[in-house]
PDB file of N, CA and C in Angstrom:
ATOM      1  N   UNK A   1     108.362  32.726 -44.307  1.00  0.00           N
ATOM      2  CA  UNK A   1     109.557  33.117 -42.982  1.00  0.00           C
ATOM      3  C   UNK A   1     110.514  33.605 -44.045  1.00  0.00           C
ATOM      4  N   UNK A   2     111.104  35.036 -43.188  1.00  0.00           N
ATOM      5  CA  UNK A   2     112.244  35.573 -44.001  1.00  0.00           C
ATOM      6  C   UNK A   2     113.500  34.678 -44.197  1.00  0.00           C
ATOM      7  N   UNK A   3     114.221  35.211 -45.239  1.00  0.00           N
ATOM      8  CA  UNK A   3     115.514  34.559 -45.198  1.00  0.00           C
ATOM      9  C   UNK A   3     116.657  35.434 -44.909  1.00  0.00           C
ATOM     10  N   UNK A   4     116.382  36.895 -45.066  1.00  0.00           N
ATOM     11  CA  UNK A   4     117.607  37.781 -44.904  1.00  0.00           C
ATOM     12  C   UNK A   4     117.558  37.925 -43.332  1.00  0.00           C
ATOM     13  N   UNK A   5     118.585  38.262 -42.824  1.00  0.00           N
ATOM     14  CA  UNK A   5     118.983  38.427 -41.560  1.00  0.00           C
ATOM     15  C   UNK A   5     118.410  39.759 -41.079  1.00  0.00           C
ATOM     16  N   UNK A   6     118.372  40.925 -41.837  1.00  0.00           N
ATOM     17  CA  UNK A   6     117.642  42.094 -41.252  1.00  0.00           C
ATOM     18  C   UNK A   6     116.042  41.935 -41.355  1.00  0.00           C
ATOM     19  N   UNK A   7     115.389  41.236 -42.086  1.00  0.00           N
ATOM     20  CA  UNK A   7     114.279  40.863 -42.275  1.00  0.00           C
ATOM     21  C   UNK A   7     114.000  40.037 -41.091  1.00  0.00           C
ATOM     22  N   UNK A   8     114.355  39.041 -40.726  1.00  0.00           N
ATOM     23  CA  UNK A   8     114.322  38.356 -39.381  1.00  0.00           C
ATOM     24  C   UNK A   8     114.442  39.327 -38.359  1.00  0.00           C
ATOM     25  N   UNK A   9     115.057  40.324 -38.449  1.00  0.00           N
ATOM     26  CA  UNK A   9     115.227  40.804 -36.850  1.00  0.00           C
ATOM     27  C   UNK A   9     113.991  41.765 -36.836  1.00  0.00           C
ATOM     28  N   UNK A  10     113.625  42.344 -38.064  1.00  0.00           N
ATOM     29  CA  UNK A  10     112.544  43.189 -38.139  1.00  0.00           C
ATOM     30  C   UNK A  10     111.326  42.563 -37.608  1.00  0.00           C
ATOM     31  N   UNK A  11     110.987  41.439 -38.158  1.00  0.00           N
ATOM     32  CA  UNK A  11     110.041  40.616 -37.559  1.00  0.00           C
ATOM     33  C   UNK A  11     110.058  40.194 -35.977  1.00  0.00           C
ATOM     34  N   UNK A  12     111.245  40.104 -35.280  1.00  0.00           N
ATOM     35  CA  UNK A  12     111.295  40.172 -33.896  1.00  0.00           C
ATOM     36  C   UNK A  12     110.976  41.635 -33.544  1.00  0.00           C
ATOM     37  N   UNK A  13     111.816  42.604 -33.785  1.00  0.00           N
ATOM     38  CA  UNK A  13     111.222  43.842 -33.289  1.00  0.00           C
ATOM     39  C   UNK A  13     109.669  44.224 -33.363  1.00  0.00           C
ATOM     40  N   UNK A  14     109.131  43.796 -34.785  1.00  0.00           N
ATOM     41  CA  UNK A  14     107.782  44.200 -34.646  1.00  0.00           C
ATOM     42  C   UNK A  14     106.984  43.546 -33.660  1.00  0.00           C
ATOM     43  N   UNK A  15     107.390  42.063 -33.428  1.00  0.00           N
ATOM     44  CA  UNK A  15     106.481  41.405 -32.410  1.00  0.00           C
ATOM     45  C   UNK A  15     106.604  42.040 -31.226  1.00  0.00           C
ATOM     46  N   UNK A  16     107.968  42.564 -30.866  1.00  0.00           N
ATOM     47  CA  UNK A  16     107.954  43.126 -29.473  1.00  0.00           C
ATOM     48  C   UNK A  16     107.188  44.453 -29.358  1.00  0.00           C
ATOM     49  N   UNK A  17     107.289  45.290 -30.306  1.00  0.00           N
ATOM     50  CA  UNK A  17     106.426  46.625 -30.125  1.00  0.00           C
ATOM     51  C   UNK A  17     104.692  46.156 -30.453  1.00  0.00           C
ATOM     52  N   UNK A  18     104.471  45.232 -30.939  1.00  0.00           N
ATOM     53  CA  UNK A  18     103.022  44.843 -30.801  1.00  0.00           C
ATOM     54  C   UNK A  18     102.633  44.386 -29.491  1.00  0.00           C
ATOM     55  N   UNK A  19     103.443  43.681 -29.142  1.00  0.00           N
ATOM     56  CA  UNK A  19     102.986  43.112 -27.538  1.00  0.00           C
ATOM     57  C   UNK A  19     102.999  44.307 -26.646  1.00  0.00           C
ATOM     58  N   UNK A  20     104.199  45.420 -26.660  1.00  0.00           N
ATOM     59  CA  UNK A  20     103.830  46.271 -25.968  1.00  0.00           C
ATOM     60  C   UNK A  20     102.610  47.286 -26.192  1.00  0.00           C
ATOM     61  N   UNK A  21     102.158  47.560 -27.413  1.00  0.00           N
ATOM     62  CA  UNK A  21     101.104  48.356 -27.976  1.00  0.00           C
ATOM     63  C   UNK A  21      99.526  47.687 -27.381  1.00  0.00           C
ATOM     64  N   UNK A  22      99.892  46.499 -27.704  1.00  0.00           N
ATOM     65  CA  UNK A  22      98.512  45.506 -26.910  1.00  0.00           C
ATOM     66  C   UNK A  22      98.563  45.932 -25.491  1.00  0.00           C
ATOM     67  N   UNK A  23      99.682  45.879 -24.915  1.00  0.00           N
ATOM     68  CA  UNK A  23      99.348  46.036 -23.609  1.00  0.00           C
ATOM     69  C   UNK A  23      99.096  47.225 -22.784  1.00  0.00           C
ATOM     70  N   UNK A  24      99.493  48.514 -23.778  1.00  0.00           N
ATOM     71  CA  UNK A  24      99.036  49.844 -23.411  1.00  0.00           C
ATOM     72  C   UNK A  24      97.664  50.144 -23.938  1.00  0.00           C
ATOM     73  N   UNK A  25      97.247  49.277 -24.976  1.00  0.00           N
ATOM     74  CA  UNK A  25      95.788  49.560 -25.353  1.00  0.00           C
ATOM     75  C   UNK A  25      94.932  48.835 -24.234  1.00  0.00           C
ATOM     76  N   UNK A  26      95.389  47.798 -23.748  1.00  0.00           N
ATOM     77  CA  UNK A  26      94.613  47.064 -22.783  1.00  0.00           C
ATOM     78  C   UNK A  26      94.557  47.727 -21.717  1.00  0.00           C
ATOM     79  N   UNK A  27      95.378  48.251 -21.420  1.00  0.00           N
ATOM     80  CA  UNK A  27      95.473  48.923 -19.960  1.00  0.00           C
ATOM     81  C   UNK A  27      94.632  50.412 -20.480  1.00  0.00           C
ATOM     82  N   UNK A  28      94.520  51.063 -21.217  1.00  0.00           N
ATOM     83  CA  UNK A  28      93.832  52.113 -21.428  1.00  0.00           C
ATOM     84  C   UNK A  28      91.941  51.603 -21.531  1.00  0.00           C
ATOM     85  N   UNK A  29      91.800  50.372 -21.978  1.00  0.00           N
ATOM     86  CA  UNK A  29      90.622  49.883 -22.173  1.00  0.00           C
ATOM     87  C   UNK A  29      90.032  49.561 -20.435  1.00  0.00           C
ATOM     88  N   UNK A  30      90.981  49.238 -19.528  1.00  0.00           N
ATOM     89  CA  UNK A  30      90.526  48.924 -18.439  1.00  0.00           C
ATOM     90  C   UNK A  30      90.106  50.322 -17.425  1.00  0.00           C
ATOM     91  N   UNK A  31      91.188  51.232 -17.951  1.00  0.00           N
ATOM     92  CA  UNK A  31      90.756  52.783 -17.059  1.00  0.00           C
ATOM     93  C   UNK A  31      89.677  53.537 -17.521  1.00  0.00           C
ATOM     94  N   UNK A  32      89.482  53.166 -18.901  1.00  0.00           N
ATOM     95  CA  UNK A  32      88.096  53.973 -19.517  1.00  0.00           C
ATOM     96  C   UNK A  32      86.721  53.012 -18.623  1.00  0.00           C
ATOM     97  N   UNK A  33      86.897  51.721 -18.689  1.00  0.00           N
ATOM     98  CA  UNK A  33      86.017  50.883 -18.099  1.00  0.00           C
ATOM     99  C   UNK A  33      85.611  51.287 -16.521  1.00  0.00           C
ATOM    100  N   UNK A  34      86.768  51.623 -15.824  1.00  0.00           N
ATOM    101  CA  UNK A  34      86.732  52.006 -14.427  1.00  0.00           C
ATOM    102  C   UNK A  34      86.201  53.341 -14.452  1.00  0.00           C
ATOM    103  N   UNK A  35      86.468  54.127 -15.401  1.00  0.00           N
ATOM    104  CA  UNK A  35      85.644  55.404 -15.532  1.00  0.00           C
ATOM    105  C   UNK A  35      84.487  55.570 -15.302  1.00  0.00           C
ATOM    106  N   UNK A  36      83.849  54.291 -16.699  1.00  0.00           N
ATOM    107  CA  UNK A  36      82.388  54.165 -16.903  1.00  0.00           C
ATOM    108  C   UNK A  36      81.856  53.587 -15.775  1.00  0.00           C
ATOM    109  N   UNK A  37      82.454  52.917 -15.107  1.00  0.00           N
ATOM    110  CA  UNK A  37      81.967  52.044 -13.834  1.00  0.00           C
ATOM    111  C   UNK A  37      81.643  53.118 -12.773  1.00  0.00           C
ATOM    112  N   UNK A  38      82.713  54.244 -12.168  1.00  0.00           N
ATOM    113  CA  UNK A  38      82.242  55.087 -11.456  1.00  0.00           C
ATOM    114  C   UNK A  38      81.150  56.127 -11.736  1.00  0.00           C
ATOM    115  N   UNK A  39      81.057  56.396 -13.214  1.00  0.00           N
ATOM    116  CA  UNK A  39      80.115  57.067 -13.379  1.00  0.00           C
ATOM    117  C   UNK A  39      78.818  56.741 -12.968  1.00  0.00           C
ATOM    118  N   UNK A  40      78.839  55.265 -13.739  1.00  0.00           N
ATOM    119  CA  UNK A  40      77.288  54.743 -13.509  1.00  0.00           C
ATOM    120  C   UNK A  40      77.138  54.606 -12.279  1.00  0.00           C
ATOM    121  N   UNK A  41      77.943  54.218 -11.216  1.00  0.00           N
ATOM    122  CA  UNK A  41      77.752  54.249  -9.717  1.00  0.00           C
ATOM    123  C   UNK A  41      77.096  55.601  -9.223  1.00  0.00           C
ATOM    124  N   UNK A  42      77.356  56.638  -9.933  1.00  0.00           N
ATOM    125  CA  UNK A  42      77.020  57.612  -9.440  1.00  0.00           C
ATOM    126  C   UNK A  42      78.178  58.388  -8.182  1.00  0.00           C
ATOM    127  N   UNK A  43      79.389  57.814  -8.016  1.00  0.00           N
ATOM    128  CA  UNK A  43      80.310  58.143  -7.472  1.00  0.00           C
ATOM    129  C   UNK A  43      81.209  59.440  -8.332  1.00  0.00           C
ATOM    130  N   UNK A  44      81.072  60.674  -8.191  1.00  0.00           N
ATOM    131  CA  UNK A  44      81.507  61.500  -8.973  1.00  0.00           C
ATOM    132  C   UNK A  44      82.987  61.882  -8.562  1.00  0.00           C
ATOM    133  N   UNK A  45      83.389  61.850  -7.265  1.00  0.00           N
ATOM    134  CA  UNK A  45      84.791  62.086  -6.734  1.00  0.00           C
ATOM    135  C   UNK A  45      85.582  61.183  -7.470  1.00  0.00           C
ATOM    136  N   UNK A  46      85.253  59.907  -7.247  1.00  0.00           N
ATOM    137  CA  UNK A  46      86.187  58.683  -8.008  1.00  0.00           C
ATOM    138  C   UNK A  46      86.301  58.802  -9.397  1.00  0.00           C
ATOM    139  N   UNK A  47      84.938  59.293 -10.123  1.00  0.00           N
ATOM    140  CA  UNK A  47      85.238  59.431 -11.435  1.00  0.00           C
ATOM    141  C   UNK A  47      85.890  60.383 -11.952  1.00  0.00           C
ATOM    142  N   UNK A  48      85.999  61.672 -11.311  1.00  0.00           N
ATOM    143  CA  UNK A  48      86.819  62.719 -11.488  1.00  0.00           C
ATOM    144  C   UNK A  48      88.377  62.246 -11.545  1.00  0.00           C
ATOM    145  N   UNK A  49      88.670  61.683 -10.393  1.00  0.00           N
ATOM    146  CA  UNK A  49      89.954  60.896 -10.458  1.00  0.00           C
ATOM    147  C   UNK A  49      90.260  60.120 -11.561  1.00  0.00           C
ATOM    148  N   UNK A  50      89.229  59.299 -11.844  1.00  0.00           N
ATOM    149  CA  UNK A  50      89.709  58.256 -13.095  1.00  0.00           C
ATOM    150  C   UNK A  50      89.712  59.206 -14.379  1.00  0.00           C
ATOM    151  N   UNK A  51      88.891  60.380 -14.391  1.00  0.00           N
ATOM    152  CA  UNK A  51      88.995  61.063 -15.743  1.00  0.00           C
ATOM    153  C   UNK A  51      90.204  61.782 -15.896  1.00  0.00           C
ATOM    154  N   UNK A  52      90.935  61.961 -14.685  1.00  0.00           N
ATOM    155  CA  UNK A  52      92.229  62.554 -14.701  1.00  0.00           C
ATOM    156  C   UNK A  52      93.177  61.797 -15.184  1.00  0.00           C
ATOM    157  N   UNK A  53      93.285  60.674 -14.627  1.00  0.00           N
ATOM    158  CA  UNK A  53      94.480  59.366 -14.693  1.00  0.00           C
ATOM    159  C   UNK A  53      93.621  58.818 -16.391  1.00  0.00           C
ATOM    160  N   UNK A  54      92.770  58.862 -16.881  1.00  0.00           N
ATOM    161  CA  UNK A  54      92.361  58.337 -17.978  1.00  0.00           C
ATOM    162  C   UNK A  54      93.167  59.087 -19.028  1.00  0.00           C
ATOM    163  N   UNK A  55      92.677  60.536 -18.732  1.00  0.00           N
ATOM    164  CA  UNK A  55      93.371  61.712 -19.784  1.00  0.00           C
ATOM    165  C   UNK A  55      95.112  61.591 -19.989  1.00  0.00           C
ATOM    166  N   UNK A  56      95.473  61.475 -18.964  1.00  0.00           N
ATOM    167  CA  UNK A  56      96.772  61.287 -18.737  1.00  0.00           C
ATOM    168  C   UNK A  56      97.368  60.240 -19.470  1.00  0.00           C
ATOM    169  N   UNK A  57      96.999  59.120 -19.282  1.00  0.00           N
ATOM    170  CA  UNK A  57      97.020  58.001 -20.138  1.00  0.00           C
ATOM    171  C   UNK A  57      96.918  57.930 -21.426  1.00  0.00           C
ATOM    172  N   UNK A  58      95.785  58.536 -22.085  1.00  0.00           N
ATOM    173  CA  UNK A  58      95.418  58.480 -23.371  1.00  0.00           C
ATOM    174  C   UNK A  58      96.369  59.441 -24.000  1.00  0.00           C
ATOM    175  N   UNK A  59      96.989  60.587 -23.238  1.00  0.00           N
ATOM    176  CA  UNK A  59      98.182  61.346 -23.969  1.00  0.00           C
ATOM    177  C   UNK A  59      99.354  60.821 -24.187  1.00  0.00           C
ATOM    178  N   UNK A  60      99.734  60.101 -23.052  1.00  0.00           N
ATOM    179  CA  UNK A  60     100.884  59.264 -22.945  1.00  0.00           C
ATOM    180  C   UNK A  60     101.188  58.148 -24.103  1.00  0.00           C
ATOM    181  N   UNK A  61     100.050  57.584 -24.258  1.00  0.00           N
ATOM    182  CA  UNK A  61      99.873  56.454 -25.574  1.00  0.00           C
ATOM    183  C   UNK A  61      99.870  57.432 -26.836  1.00  0.00           C
ATOM    184  N   UNK A  62      99.432  58.492 -26.978  1.00  0.00           N
ATOM    185  CA  UNK A  62      99.251  59.583 -28.098  1.00  0.00           C
ATOM    186  C   UNK A  62     100.694  59.933 -28.246  1.00  0.00           C
ATOM    187  N   UNK A  63     101.744  60.231 -27.365  1.00  0.00           N
ATOM    188  CA  UNK A  63     102.937  60.867 -27.445  1.00  0.00           C
ATOM    189  C   UNK A  63     103.684  59.534 -27.920  1.00  0.00           C
ATOM    190  N   UNK A  64     103.767  58.408 -27.463  1.00  0.00           N
ATOM    191  CA  UNK A  64     104.148  57.228 -28.078  1.00  0.00           C
ATOM    192  C   UNK A  64     104.066  56.374 -29.457  1.00  0.00           C
ATOM    193  N   UNK A  65     103.007  57.186 -29.713  1.00  0.00           N
ATOM    194  CA  UNK A  65     102.200  56.532 -31.065  1.00  0.00           C
ATOM    195  C   UNK A  65     101.759  55.464 -30.976  1.00  0.00           C
ATOM    196  N   UNK A  66     101.114  54.948 -29.850  1.00  0.00           N
ATOM    197  CA  UNK A  66     100.592  53.741 -29.849  1.00  0.00           C
ATOM    198  C   UNK A  66      98.858  53.869 -30.382  1.00  0.00           C
ATOM    199  N   UNK A  67      98.516  54.956 -30.129  1.00  0.00           N
ATOM    200  CA  UNK A  67      97.292  55.669 -30.616  1.00  0.00           C
ATOM    201  C   UNK A  67      97.690  57.063 -31.386  1.00  0.00           C
ATOM    202  N   UNK A  68      96.709  57.416 -32.160  1.00  0.00           N
ATOM    203  CA  UNK A  68      96.850  58.864 -32.835  1.00  0.00           C
ATOM    204  C   UNK A  68      96.213  59.699 -32.052  1.00  0.00           C
ATOM    205  N   UNK A  69      96.880  60.899 -32.124  1.00  0.00           N
ATOM    206  CA  UNK A  69      96.806  62.079 -31.198  1.00  0.00           C
ATOM    207  C   UNK A  69      95.187  62.388 -31.533  1.00  0.00           C
ATOM    208  N   UNK A  70      94.914  62.683 -32.433  1.00  0.00           N
ATOM    209  CA  UNK A  70      93.416  63.136 -32.421  1.00  0.00           C
ATOM    210  C   UNK A  70      92.455  61.875 -31.824  1.00  0.00           C
ATOM    211  N   UNK A  71      93.000  60.705 -31.946  1.00  0.00           N
ATOM    212  CA  UNK A  71      91.881  60.059 -31.302  1.00  0.00           C
ATOM    213  C   UNK A  71      92.063  59.824 -30.150  1.00  0.00           C
ATOM    214  N   UNK A  72      93.161  60.122 -29.313  1.00  0.00           N
ATOM    215  CA  UNK A  72      93.143  60.141 -27.979  1.00  0.00           C
ATOM    216  C   UNK A  72      92.348  61.707 -27.490  1.00  0.00           C
ATOM    217  N   UNK A  73      92.482  62.769 -28.223  1.00  0.00           N
ATOM    218  CA  UNK A  73      91.834  64.097 -28.132  1.00  0.00           C
ATOM    219  C   UNK A  73      90.483  63.721 -28.213  1.00  0.00           C
ATOM    220  N   UNK A  74      89.977  63.156 -29.097  1.00  0.00           N
ATOM    221  CA  UNK A  74      88.660  62.890 -29.499  1.00  0.00           C
ATOM    222  C   UNK A  74      87.847  62.022 -27.773  1.00  0.00           C
ATOM    223  N   UNK A  75      88.916  60.842 -27.384  1.00  0.00           N
ATOM    224  CA  UNK A  75      88.214  60.159 -26.379  1.00  0.00           C
ATOM    225  C   UNK A  75      88.257  61.013 -25.139  1.00  0.00           C
ATOM    226  N   UNK A  76      89.521  62.029 -25.029  1.00  0.00           N
ATOM    227  CA  UNK A  76      89.179  62.737 -23.789  1.00  0.00           C
ATOM    228  C   UNK A  76      88.064  63.609 -23.768  1.00  0.00           C
ATOM    229  N   UNK A  77      87.615  64.338 -24.960  1.00  0.00           N
ATOM    230  CA  UNK A  77      86.812  65.074 -24.978  1.00  0.00           C
ATOM    231  C   UNK A  77      85.147  64.423 -24.805  1.00  0.00           C
ATOM    232  N   UNK A  78      85.211  63.277 -25.154  1.00  0.00           N
ATOM    233  CA  UNK A  78      84.102  62.406 -25.142  1.00  0.00           C
ATOM    234  C   UNK A  78      83.839  62.293 -23.690  1.00  0.00           C
ATOM    235  N   UNK A  79      84.789  61.823 -22.694  1.00  0.00           N
ATOM    236  CA  UNK A  79      84.988  61.304 -21.482  1.00  0.00           C
ATOM    237  C   UNK A  79      84.423  62.794 -20.694  1.00  0.00           C
ATOM    238  N   UNK A  80      84.896  63.918 -20.799  1.00  0.00           N
ATOM    239  CA  UNK A  80      84.619  64.994 -20.180  1.00  0.00           C
ATOM    240  C   UNK A  80      83.180  65.340 -20.415  1.00  0.00           C
ATOM    241  N   UNK A  81      82.925  65.250 -21.669  1.00  0.00           N
ATOM    242  CA  UNK A  81      81.381  65.659 -22.060  1.00  0.00           C
ATOM    243  C   UNK A  81      80.648  64.734 -21.153  1.00  0.00           C
ATOM    244  N   UNK A  82      80.843  63.457 -21.208  1.00  0.00           N
ATOM    245  CA  UNK A  82      79.839  62.524 -20.257  1.00  0.00           C
ATOM    246  C   UNK A  82      79.832  62.768 -18.924  1.00  0.00           C
ATOM    247  N   UNK A  83      81.143  62.955 -18.516  1.00  0.00           N
ATOM    248  CA  UNK A  83      81.176  63.514 -16.928  1.00  0.00           C
ATOM    249  C   UNK A  83      80.512  64.550 -16.678  1.00  0.00           C
ATOM    250  N   UNK A  84      80.796  65.581 -17.286  1.00  0.00           N
ATOM    251  CA  UNK A  84      79.904  67.112 -17.279  1.00  0.00           C
ATOM    252  C   UNK A  84      78.459  66.658 -17.362  1.00  0.00           C
ATOM    253  N   UNK A  85      77.832  65.867 -18.226  1.00  0.00           N
ATOM    254  CA  UNK A  85      76.536  65.725 -18.276  1.00  0.00           C
ATOM    255  C   UNK A  85      76.073  64.722 -17.095  1.00  0.00           C
ATOM    256  N   UNK A  86      76.763  64.212 -16.641  1.00  0.00           N
ATOM    257  CA  UNK A  86      76.342  63.286 -15.540  1.00  0.00           C
ATOM    258  C   UNK A  86      76.061  63.915 -14.258  1.00  0.00           C
ATOM    259  N   UNK A  87      77.208  65.011 -14.121  1.00  0.00           N
ATOM    260  CA  UNK A  87      76.840  65.826 -12.928  1.00  0.00           C
ATOM    261  C   UNK A  87      76.167  66.839 -12.987  1.00  0.00           C
ATOM    262  N   UNK A  88      75.787  67.368 -14.053  1.00  0.00           N
ATOM    263  CA  UNK A  88      74.171  68.121 -14.109  1.00  0.00           C
ATOM    264  C   UNK A  88      73.087  67.336 -14.067  1.00  0.00           C
ATOM    265  N   UNK A  89      73.297  66.124 -14.561  1.00  0.00           N
ATOM    266  CA  UNK A  89      72.000  65.521 -14.198  1.00  0.00           C
ATOM    267  C   UNK A  89      71.534  65.090 -12.662  1.00  0.00           C
ATOM    268  N   UNK A  90      72.691  64.924 -12.045  1.00  0.00           N
ATOM    269  CA  UNK A  90      72.746  64.708 -10.780  1.00  0.00           C
ATOM    270  C   UNK A  90      72.344  65.748  -9.735  1.00  0.00           C
TER     271      UNK A  90
END
């Protein structure tokens, strides 16, 4: 454990930021799962809405430095590709 006051404060701040980042990442995982579920059920209207929501949330997480911007872009691209492929197959 830290002895210096500023180090103790940094520990508290880091713990708070970690909790926030974890909350955002768990929310992202849930949104991506919802998109996958809508896509596998063949409900393309709902899947389209979930895709838009997922893109928005990924970009927000990247803007707040929860995830890297390239990671967000890669995930959005992957989801869009999967969505387009599912529509063509149907």
